[in-house]
Protein backbone atom coordinates (compact mmCIF):
# COMPACT_ATOMS: atom_id res chain seq x y z
CA MET A 1 0.05 -0.31 0.15
CA SER A 2 1.47 3.01 -1.17
CA GLN A 3 1.68 5.69 1.26
CA PRO A 4 0.82 9.45 0.14
CA SER A 5 3.37 12.49 1.26
CA GLN A 6 1.37 14.43 3.27
CA PHE A 7 -2.09 12.94 5.56
CA HIS A 8 -4.93 15.24 5.37
CA ASN A 9 -6.70 13.61 8.54
CA PRO A 10 -4.56 12.13 10.77
CA LEU A 11 -7.28 11.98 13.66
CA GLN A 12 -9.91 11.15 11.63
CA GLY A 13 -8.01 8.01 10.17
CA MET A 14 -7.07 7.00 13.85
CA ALA A 15 -10.71 7.12 14.39
CA LEU A 16 -11.80 4.93 11.52
CA MET A 17 -8.19 2.23 12.57
CA ALA A 18 -9.90 2.23 16.07
CA GLY A 19 -13.42 1.49 14.94
CA CYS A 20 -12.64 -0.87 12.51
CA MET A 21 -10.05 -3.01 15.26
CA MET A 22 -13.01 -3.32 17.22
CA VAL A 23 -15.25 -4.45 14.79
CA LEU A 24 -13.31 -7.07 13.06
CA PRO A 25 -12.94 -9.52 15.71
CA ALA A 26 -17.06 -9.93 15.16
CA MET A 27 -15.81 -11.69 11.87
CA ASP A 28 -14.12 -14.11 14.22
CA ALA A 29 -16.52 -14.89 16.46
CA ILE A 30 -18.75 -15.24 13.49
CA ALA A 31 -16.65 -17.93 12.64
CA LYS A 32 -16.88 -19.51 16.18
CA TYR A 33 -20.08 -19.54 16.79
CA MET A 34 -20.83 -21.26 13.14
CA ALA A 35 -18.52 -23.95 13.81
CA THR A 36 -19.78 -24.72 17.51
CA PHE A 37 -23.24 -23.55 17.30
CA GLU A 38 -24.27 -24.57 13.49
CA ALA A 39 -21.76 -27.59 12.86
CA MET A 40 -20.36 -25.53 9.74
CA SER A 41 -16.65 -26.65 8.88
CA PRO A 42 -14.31 -23.57 9.20
CA ALA A 43 -12.99 -24.22 5.47
CA GLN A 44 -16.91 -23.80 4.46
CA VAL A 45 -16.74 -20.94 6.61
CA THR A 46 -13.87 -19.48 4.98
CA PHE A 47 -14.94 -20.02 1.84
CA TYR A 48 -18.63 -18.15 2.55
CA ARG A 49 -16.23 -15.34 3.94
CA PHE A 50 -14.41 -14.81 0.67
CA PHE A 51 -17.74 -15.94 -1.81
CA PHE A 52 -20.24 -13.32 0.12
CA GLN A 53 -17.45 -10.50 0.31
CA LEU A 54 -17.29 -10.85 -3.70
CA VAL A 55 -21.27 -10.76 -3.41
CA CYS A 56 -21.59 -7.60 -1.32
CA THR A 57 -18.88 -5.46 -2.34
CA VAL A 58 -18.72 -6.00 -6.46
CA PRO A 59 -21.62 -4.64 -7.48
CA VAL A 60 -21.00 -1.65 -5.47
CA LEU A 61 -17.41 -1.44 -7.16
CA LEU A 62 -18.95 -1.70 -10.32
CA ILE A 63 -21.43 0.79 -9.90
CA ILE A 64 -19.21 3.60 -8.81
CA PHE A 65 -15.67 2.54 -10.53
CA GLY A 66 -16.33 0.78 -13.45
CA LYS A 67 -14.79 -1.88 -15.03
CA GLY A 68 -11.46 -0.44 -13.41
CA ALA A 69 -12.04 -2.03 -10.66
CA LEU A 70 -11.28 -5.21 -11.75
CA SER A 71 -8.46 -4.83 -13.92
CA ALA A 72 -5.15 -5.39 -11.94
CA LYS A 73 -1.74 -4.83 -13.90
CA ARG A 74 -0.56 -7.81 -12.14
CA PRO A 75 -3.55 -10.15 -11.71
CA TRP A 76 -1.44 -13.69 -11.01
CA MET A 77 0.27 -11.48 -8.12
CA ASN A 78 -2.65 -10.18 -6.83
CA LEU A 79 -4.60 -13.76 -7.04
CA LEU A 80 -1.37 -15.09 -5.40
CA ARG A 81 -2.63 -12.85 -2.45
CA GLY A 82 -5.60 -13.78 -2.58
CA ALA A 83 -4.76 -17.13 -1.79
CA LEU A 84 -2.65 -16.57 0.70
CA HIS A 85 -5.52 -14.46 2.81
CA GLY A 86 -7.76 -17.48 2.47
CA ALA A 87 -5.37 -19.99 3.72
CA ALA A 88 -4.47 -17.54 7.05
CA SER A 89 -7.88 -17.14 7.17
CA LEU A 90 -8.75 -20.92 7.02
CA LEU A 91 -5.81 -21.41 9.46
CA PHE A 92 -7.70 -18.41 11.77
CA PHE A 93 -11.07 -19.83 11.58
CA ALA A 94 -9.94 -23.52 12.25
CA ALA A 95 -8.07 -22.12 15.30
CA VAL A 96 -11.04 -20.18 16.76
CA LYS A 97 -12.90 -22.98 16.50
CA TYR A 98 -10.88 -25.18 18.95
CA MET A 99 -9.40 -22.34 21.02
CA PRO A 100 -10.51 -18.81 22.74
CA LEU A 101 -10.66 -16.05 20.51
CA ALA A 102 -7.91 -14.00 22.66
CA ASP A 103 -5.67 -17.28 22.66
CA VAL A 104 -5.67 -16.93 19.27
CA PHE A 105 -5.35 -13.49 18.65
CA ALA A 106 -2.54 -12.97 21.16
CA ILE A 107 -0.78 -16.10 19.48
CA TYR A 108 -1.43 -14.21 16.02
CA PHE A 109 0.24 -11.04 17.06
CA VAL A 110 3.50 -12.22 16.23
CA GLU A 111 3.11 -11.24 12.59
CA PRO A 112 4.20 -8.07 13.12
CA PHE A 113 7.90 -9.62 14.21
CA MET A 114 7.82 -12.15 11.13
CA LEU A 115 7.01 -9.55 8.79
CA ALA A 116 10.04 -7.14 10.07
CA GLY A 117 11.95 -10.39 10.06
CA LEU A 118 10.52 -10.91 6.35
CA SER A 119 11.71 -7.43 5.18
CA ALA A 120 14.78 -7.97 6.56
CA LEU A 121 15.82 -10.56 4.52
CA PHE A 122 14.31 -10.21 1.06
CA LEU A 123 13.93 -6.55 0.83
CA GLY A 124 17.08 -4.75 2.15
CA ASP A 125 14.97 -2.86 5.60
CA LYS A 126 17.26 -2.07 8.14
CA VAL A 127 16.65 -4.12 11.57
CA GLY A 128 18.88 -3.43 14.12
CA TRP A 129 19.55 -5.26 17.54
CA ARG A 130 17.22 -3.96 19.50
CA ARG A 131 14.47 -4.54 16.87
CA TRP A 132 15.96 -8.41 16.79
CA ALA A 133 15.46 -8.00 20.26
CA ALA A 134 11.87 -7.02 20.48
CA ILE A 135 11.08 -9.55 17.68
CA VAL A 136 12.78 -12.45 20.13
CA VAL A 137 10.94 -11.09 23.28
CA GLY A 138 7.55 -11.28 21.20
CA PHE A 139 8.05 -14.54 20.37
CA GLY A 140 8.65 -15.49 23.81
CA GLY A 141 5.29 -14.11 25.06
CA ALA A 142 3.62 -16.26 22.21
CA MET A 143 5.32 -19.08 23.72
CA ILE A 144 3.70 -18.22 27.46
CA VAL A 145 0.24 -18.42 25.73
CA ILE A 146 1.21 -21.65 23.37
CA GLN A 147 2.13 -23.42 26.52
CA PRO A 148 -0.83 -23.91 28.32
CA SER A 149 -3.12 -24.08 24.65
CA TYR A 150 -0.62 -26.62 23.56
CA GLU A 151 -1.23 -29.09 27.13
CA ILE A 152 -4.83 -28.67 26.13
CA PHE A 153 -5.37 -28.51 22.39
CA GLY A 154 -2.23 -30.46 21.12
CA ALA A 155 -1.08 -28.99 17.67
CA LYS A 156 -3.99 -27.00 17.03
CA ALA A 157 -2.43 -24.27 19.32
CA LEU A 158 0.33 -23.48 17.09
CA LEU A 159 -2.46 -22.76 13.78
CA PRO A 160 -2.48 -18.91 15.12
CA VAL A 161 1.41 -19.01 14.21
CA PHE A 162 0.88 -20.75 10.69
CA CYS A 163 -1.34 -17.93 9.96
CA ALA A 164 0.69 -15.23 11.21
CA PHE A 165 2.90 -16.58 8.51
CA LEU A 166 0.75 -16.80 5.89
CA PHE A 167 -0.34 -13.70 6.65
CA SER A 168 2.89 -12.27 6.92
CA LEU A 169 3.91 -13.07 3.42
CA TYR A 170 0.16 -11.41 2.42
CA LEU A 171 1.20 -8.51 3.50
CA PHE A 172 5.09 -8.90 2.55
CA MET A 173 3.62 -8.91 -1.41
CA ASN A 174 1.35 -6.26 -0.68
CA ARG A 175 4.89 -4.24 -0.25
CA ALA A 176 6.46 -6.53 -3.45
CA ILE A 177 3.52 -5.38 -5.47
CA GLY A 178 4.33 -1.80 -4.62
CA GLU A 179 2.10 1.22 -6.46
CA ALA A 180 1.10 -1.02 -9.60
CA ASP A 181 -2.33 -1.54 -8.72
CA THR A 182 -4.57 1.20 -6.71
CA PRO A 183 -5.71 -0.66 -3.05
CA LEU A 184 -9.28 -1.13 -4.87
CA THR A 185 -8.09 -3.86 -7.21
CA MET A 186 -5.70 -4.92 -5.34
CA GLN A 187 -8.64 -5.99 -2.52
CA THR A 188 -11.18 -7.19 -5.37
CA MET A 189 -8.40 -9.33 -6.78
CA ALA A 190 -7.70 -10.87 -3.35
CA GLY A 191 -11.28 -11.66 -3.06
CA VAL A 192 -11.32 -13.22 -6.41
CA GLY A 193 -8.13 -15.35 -5.61
CA GLY A 194 -9.41 -16.37 -1.98
CA THR A 195 -12.23 -17.62 -3.45
CA LEU A 196 -11.07 -19.55 -5.92
CA PHE A 197 -8.22 -21.36 -3.34
CA MET A 198 -11.54 -22.39 -1.06
CA SER A 199 -12.98 -23.60 -3.83
CA GLY A 200 -10.28 -25.90 -4.52
CA ALA A 201 -9.12 -26.63 -1.13
CA LEU A 202 -13.08 -27.36 0.07
CA LEU A 203 -12.92 -30.22 -2.75
CA VAL A 204 -9.62 -31.70 -1.70
CA GLY A 205 -10.15 -31.79 1.80
CA ASN A 206 -13.84 -32.94 1.15
CA GLY A 207 -12.67 -35.68 -0.83
CA LEU A 208 -10.11 -37.02 1.83
CA ALA A 209 -12.81 -36.57 4.16
CA ILE A 210 -11.15 -34.23 6.55
CA PRO A 211 -13.79 -33.30 8.98
CA ASP A 212 -12.67 -29.79 9.11
CA PHE A 213 -13.26 -29.29 5.08
CA GLU A 214 -16.88 -30.81 5.21
CA VAL A 215 -19.16 -29.07 2.83
CA SER A 216 -22.45 -28.00 3.58
CA LEU A 217 -25.24 -24.95 3.44
CA PRO A 218 -26.46 -23.05 6.12
CA THR A 219 -28.68 -24.89 8.29
CA SER A 220 -30.80 -21.84 9.49
CA LEU A 221 -31.87 -18.53 8.39
CA LEU A 222 -29.32 -16.96 11.15
CA GLY A 223 -27.00 -19.23 9.90
CA LEU A 224 -26.96 -17.74 6.61
CA VAL A 225 -27.57 -13.71 7.57
CA LEU A 226 -24.13 -14.27 9.98
CA LEU A 227 -22.55 -15.21 6.73
CA LEU A 228 -23.75 -12.49 4.90
CA ILE A 229 -22.45 -10.34 7.93
CA LEU A 230 -18.93 -11.93 8.01
CA GLY A 231 -18.69 -11.23 3.74
CA SER A 232 -19.97 -7.72 4.36
CA LEU A 233 -17.79 -7.12 7.41
CA SER A 234 -14.41 -8.23 5.14
CA GLY A 235 -15.13 -6.42 2.46
CA TYR A 236 -16.30 -3.12 3.91
CA VAL A 237 -14.30 -2.35 6.87
CA HIS A 238 -10.89 -3.51 5.16
CA MET A 239 -12.04 -0.57 2.70
CA ILE A 240 -12.27 1.65 5.40
CA VAL A 241 -8.61 -0.10 6.99
CA VAL A 242 -7.28 1.24 3.17
CA GLN A 243 -9.18 5.05 3.90
CA ALA A 244 -7.15 4.99 7.51
CA PHE A 245 -4.37 4.68 5.84
CA ARG A 246 -4.51 7.43 3.07
CA MET A 247 -5.27 9.77 6.51
CA ALA A 248 -2.79 9.09 8.67
CA PRO A 249 0.87 7.30 8.47
CA LEU A 250 1.47 3.52 8.96
CA SER A 251 3.04 4.43 12.16
CA LEU A 252 0.35 6.12 13.82
CA LEU A 253 -2.06 3.38 13.15
CA ALA A 254 0.09 0.59 13.65
CA PRO A 255 -0.70 0.30 17.91
CA PHE A 256 -4.51 0.43 17.21
CA GLN A 257 -4.17 -3.27 15.43
CA TYR A 258 -3.90 -4.33 19.18
CA PHE A 259 -7.59 -3.32 20.49
CA GLU A 260 -8.49 -6.47 18.12
CA ILE A 261 -7.42 -8.69 21.48
CA ILE A 262 -9.81 -5.85 23.63
CA SER A 263 -12.94 -6.73 21.24
CA ALA A 264 -11.52 -10.68 20.84
CA THR A 265 -11.57 -10.67 25.19
CA ILE A 266 -15.22 -9.23 25.49
CA LEU A 267 -17.10 -11.40 22.82
CA GLY A 268 -14.64 -14.37 23.63
CA TYR A 269 -16.20 -13.84 27.25
CA ALA A 270 -19.39 -12.38 26.26
CA LEU A 271 -20.28 -15.46 23.88
CA PHE A 272 -18.55 -18.53 24.76
CA GLY A 273 -17.81 -17.60 28.36
CA ASP A 274 -14.01 -17.67 27.23
CA PHE A 275 -11.62 -15.21 29.39
CA PRO A 276 -7.38 -15.53 29.51
CA THR A 277 -5.94 -16.34 32.89
CA PRO A 278 -3.21 -15.10 34.78
CA SER A 279 -0.30 -16.43 32.53
CA LYS A 280 -1.65 -15.28 29.07
CA TRP A 281 -2.27 -11.90 30.14
CA LEU A 282 1.33 -12.04 30.93
CA GLY A 283 2.08 -13.26 27.11
CA ILE A 284 -0.11 -10.76 25.56
CA ALA A 285 1.10 -7.48 27.42
CA ILE A 286 4.98 -9.11 26.22
CA ILE A 287 3.56 -9.21 22.36
CA VAL A 288 1.93 -5.75 22.67
CA ALA A 289 4.97 -4.44 24.08
CA SER A 290 7.59 -5.80 21.84
CA GLY A 291 5.06 -5.23 19.03
CA LEU A 292 4.52 -1.44 19.82
CA PHE A 293 8.07 -1.24 20.79
CA ILE A 294 9.10 -2.30 17.17
CA ILE A 295 6.55 0.14 15.79
CA TRP A 296 8.55 3.04 18.14
CA ARG A 297 11.84 2.44 16.45
CA GLU A 298 10.55 2.43 12.75
CA ARG A 299 9.13 5.88 13.74
CA VAL A 300 12.52 6.95 15.18
CA GLN A 301 14.18 5.39 12.29
CA ALA A 302 11.97 7.26 9.84
CA ARG A 303 12.23 10.42 11.54
CA SER A 304 16.44 10.04 11.55
CA LEU A 305 16.39 9.81 7.24
CA GLU A 306 14.11 12.20 6.74
CA THR A 307 16.38 14.97 9.20
CA PRO A 308 18.78 16.42 6.76
């Protein structure tokens, strides 16, 4: 995502970002509800997430922007981004089926550390010893959350880690593609890629009789409505996030990502009776503190580069 040289409304951008981060965990609460109470497989929920995103957003995009919204200069790269996003969403929805929402989000937030490492290794970003230390400490915090979860859920507790890796690859491709396509086109094509990927994953997984890939339709009107809400949120809220990044710099908005843990904890407790233990709160605090330190160091370095 390209960053404009001047941001015209940073306060409004911060407000939009904070609101979106509080709303987005509702998607994952819906996925957990569908798996827990509607007996729908995570793969099927993930497919509907991308399919209904297209159903809800593409007609509006075509009306407002015309066919240009679907015209990408790098279509295959954008479709690959969508496939990565689809795979990451599948792992996340599978994780929330078995684990509390707050635990999954806490472990998932090792993603900024992975992205920093990928950027350093492949894009030549300068990552000093302080940020590498913060990455190591952040992973240590994740281990504090994972350890008791692993004892209860087994290898499923590692699903958020693999999800974070795939999503960091997805974000890494955003940077690698750069300004070749507009954010709107990139998001629309990613939705197409995610839908195609999940269609194939469902066919293969269901053919192998894997329970978490079982094909099914909504069994109730409520289930159908929730899936429509899931698709709408995934499309429109992410568009608002794109708009927020046009109003304020990344370094100012990035800390608001951690609002998702607050919202996920509230939803997890209200809907499913899940609440993190003291040790997990310690791990969450370490992850958040390490992530905020990395963001702060990036701001410091950016300012030093701007200084003549």
